[in-house]
């Protein structure tokens, strides 16, 4: 989550970090059978690889919108 506060005319931004292991825990809480017998370390590697592939897709685009089912829309400027 990112929160923004305004200080005078400057804007300070505080950025929280979401790690692959955090996403694994959320995924397991939402659907305990999703991973089967896959361990948390392997799941985190899979999540990390997925996020890297998504980042590459976003970074390769000049401009426009990208819809990612389950994630939402991304606007590339």
C-alpha atoms as a PDB file:
ATOM      1  CA  UNK A   1       0.000   0.000   0.000  1.00  0.00           C
ATOM      2  CA  UNK A   2       1.269   3.485  -0.766  1.00  0.00           C
ATOM      3  CA  UNK A   3       0.257   6.468   1.327  1.00  0.00           C
ATOM      4  CA  UNK A   4       0.864  10.064   0.388  1.00  0.00           C
ATOM      5  CA  UNK A   5       1.010  13.139   2.564  1.00  0.00           C
ATOM      6  CA  UNK A   6       1.433  16.753   1.546  1.00  0.00           C
ATOM      7  CA  UNK A   7       4.045  18.889   3.267  1.00  0.00           C
ATOM      8  CA  UNK A   8       3.805  22.522   2.121  1.00  0.00           C
ATOM      9  CA  UNK A   9       4.142  22.342  -1.662  1.00  0.00           C
ATOM     10  CA  UNK A  10       6.157  19.118  -1.568  1.00  0.00           C
ATOM     11  CA  UNK A  11       4.626  15.682  -1.481  1.00  0.00           C
ATOM     12  CA  UNK A  12       6.192  12.968   0.688  1.00  0.00           C
ATOM     13  CA  UNK A  13       5.474   9.364  -0.302  1.00  0.00           C
ATOM     14  CA  UNK A  14       5.798   6.387   2.008  1.00  0.00           C
ATOM     15  CA  UNK A  15       6.055   3.056   0.189  1.00  0.00           C
ATOM     16  CA  UNK A  16       5.361  -0.333   1.768  1.00  0.00           C
ATOM     17  CA  UNK A  17       7.088  -3.406   0.348  1.00  0.00           C
ATOM     18  CA  UNK A  18       5.059  -6.449  -0.673  1.00  0.00           C
ATOM     19  CA  UNK A  19       7.298  -9.517  -0.885  1.00  0.00           C
ATOM     20  CA  UNK A  20       6.580 -12.736  -2.786  1.00  0.00           C
ATOM     21  CA  UNK A  21       6.389 -14.591   0.553  1.00  0.00           C
ATOM     22  CA  UNK A  22       3.616 -12.189   1.635  1.00  0.00           C
ATOM     23  CA  UNK A  23       1.673 -13.037  -1.512  1.00  0.00           C
ATOM     24  CA  UNK A  24       2.214 -16.759  -0.890  1.00  0.00           C
ATOM     25  CA  UNK A  25       0.722 -16.421   2.594  1.00  0.00           C
ATOM     26  CA  UNK A  26      -2.299 -14.563   1.206  1.00  0.00           C
ATOM     27  CA  UNK A  27      -2.748 -17.133  -1.557  1.00  0.00           C
ATOM     28  CA  UNK A  28      -2.624 -19.994   0.949  1.00  0.00           C
ATOM     29  CA  UNK A  29      -5.142 -18.230   3.198  1.00  0.00           C
ATOM     30  CA  UNK A  30      -7.536 -17.672   0.287  1.00  0.00           C
ATOM     31  CA  UNK A  31      -7.173 -21.147  -1.192  1.00  0.00           C
ATOM     32  CA  UNK A  32      -5.334 -23.681   1.014  1.00  0.00           C
ATOM     33  CA  UNK A  33      -5.353 -26.393  -1.681  1.00  0.00           C
ATOM     34  CA  UNK A  34      -3.926 -24.164  -4.421  1.00  0.00           C
ATOM     35  CA  UNK A  35      -0.287 -25.183  -4.001  1.00  0.00           C
ATOM     36  CA  UNK A  36      -0.843 -28.870  -3.382  1.00  0.00           C
ATOM     37  CA  UNK A  37       2.437 -30.256  -2.026  1.00  0.00           C
ATOM     38  CA  UNK A  38       4.565 -27.335  -3.258  1.00  0.00           C
ATOM     39  CA  UNK A  39       6.590 -25.797  -0.430  1.00  0.00           C
ATOM     40  CA  UNK A  40       6.536 -22.079   0.410  1.00  0.00           C
ATOM     41  CA  UNK A  41      10.038 -21.432  -0.968  1.00  0.00           C
ATOM     42  CA  UNK A  42       9.116 -22.877  -4.372  1.00  0.00           C
ATOM     43  CA  UNK A  43       5.813 -20.981  -4.390  1.00  0.00           C
ATOM     44  CA  UNK A  44       7.656 -17.731  -3.615  1.00  0.00           C
ATOM     45  CA  UNK A  45      10.027 -18.410  -6.539  1.00  0.00           C
ATOM     46  CA  UNK A  46       7.016 -18.969  -8.805  1.00  0.00           C
ATOM     47  CA  UNK A  47       5.387 -15.727  -7.616  1.00  0.00           C
ATOM     48  CA  UNK A  48       8.664 -13.818  -8.084  1.00  0.00           C
ATOM     49  CA  UNK A  49       9.028 -15.174 -11.631  1.00  0.00           C
ATOM     50  CA  UNK A  50       5.442 -14.244 -12.431  1.00  0.00           C
ATOM     51  CA  UNK A  51       5.945 -10.693 -11.158  1.00  0.00           C
ATOM     52  CA  UNK A  52       9.169 -10.361 -13.169  1.00  0.00           C
ATOM     53  CA  UNK A  53       7.359 -11.511 -16.330  1.00  0.00           C
ATOM     54  CA  UNK A  54       4.547  -9.019 -15.657  1.00  0.00           C
ATOM     55  CA  UNK A  55       7.079  -6.223 -15.124  1.00  0.00           C
ATOM     56  CA  UNK A  56       8.763  -7.102 -18.438  1.00  0.00           C
ATOM     57  CA  UNK A  57       5.402  -6.932 -20.241  1.00  0.00           C
ATOM     58  CA  UNK A  58       4.652  -3.516 -18.735  1.00  0.00           C
ATOM     59  CA  UNK A  59       8.148  -2.164 -19.402  1.00  0.00           C
ATOM     60  CA  UNK A  60       8.106  -3.243 -23.064  1.00  0.00           C
ATOM     61  CA  UNK A  61       4.983  -1.213 -23.817  1.00  0.00           C
ATOM     62  CA  UNK A  62       5.301   2.320 -25.149  1.00  0.00           C
ATOM     63  CA  UNK A  63       1.943   3.588 -23.886  1.00  0.00           C
ATOM     64  CA  UNK A  64      -1.612   2.438 -23.477  1.00  0.00           C
ATOM     65  CA  UNK A  65      -3.535   0.135 -21.213  1.00  0.00           C
ATOM     66  CA  UNK A  66      -2.925  -3.469 -20.273  1.00  0.00           C
ATOM     67  CA  UNK A  67      -5.582  -5.653 -18.681  1.00  0.00           C
ATOM     68  CA  UNK A  68      -4.316  -8.483 -16.481  1.00  0.00           C
ATOM     69  CA  UNK A  69      -7.088 -10.838 -15.294  1.00  0.00           C
ATOM     70  CA  UNK A  70      -6.926 -11.190 -11.514  1.00  0.00           C
ATOM     71  CA  UNK A  71      -4.764  -8.082 -11.211  1.00  0.00           C
ATOM     72  CA  UNK A  72      -6.684  -5.349 -12.980  1.00  0.00           C
ATOM     73  CA  UNK A  73      -5.786  -2.675 -15.476  1.00  0.00           C
ATOM     74  CA  UNK A  74      -2.393  -1.058 -15.832  1.00  0.00           C
ATOM     75  CA  UNK A  75      -1.999   2.268 -17.573  1.00  0.00           C
ATOM     76  CA  UNK A  76       1.394   2.733 -19.211  1.00  0.00           C
ATOM     77  CA  UNK A  77       2.377   6.353 -19.803  1.00  0.00           C
END
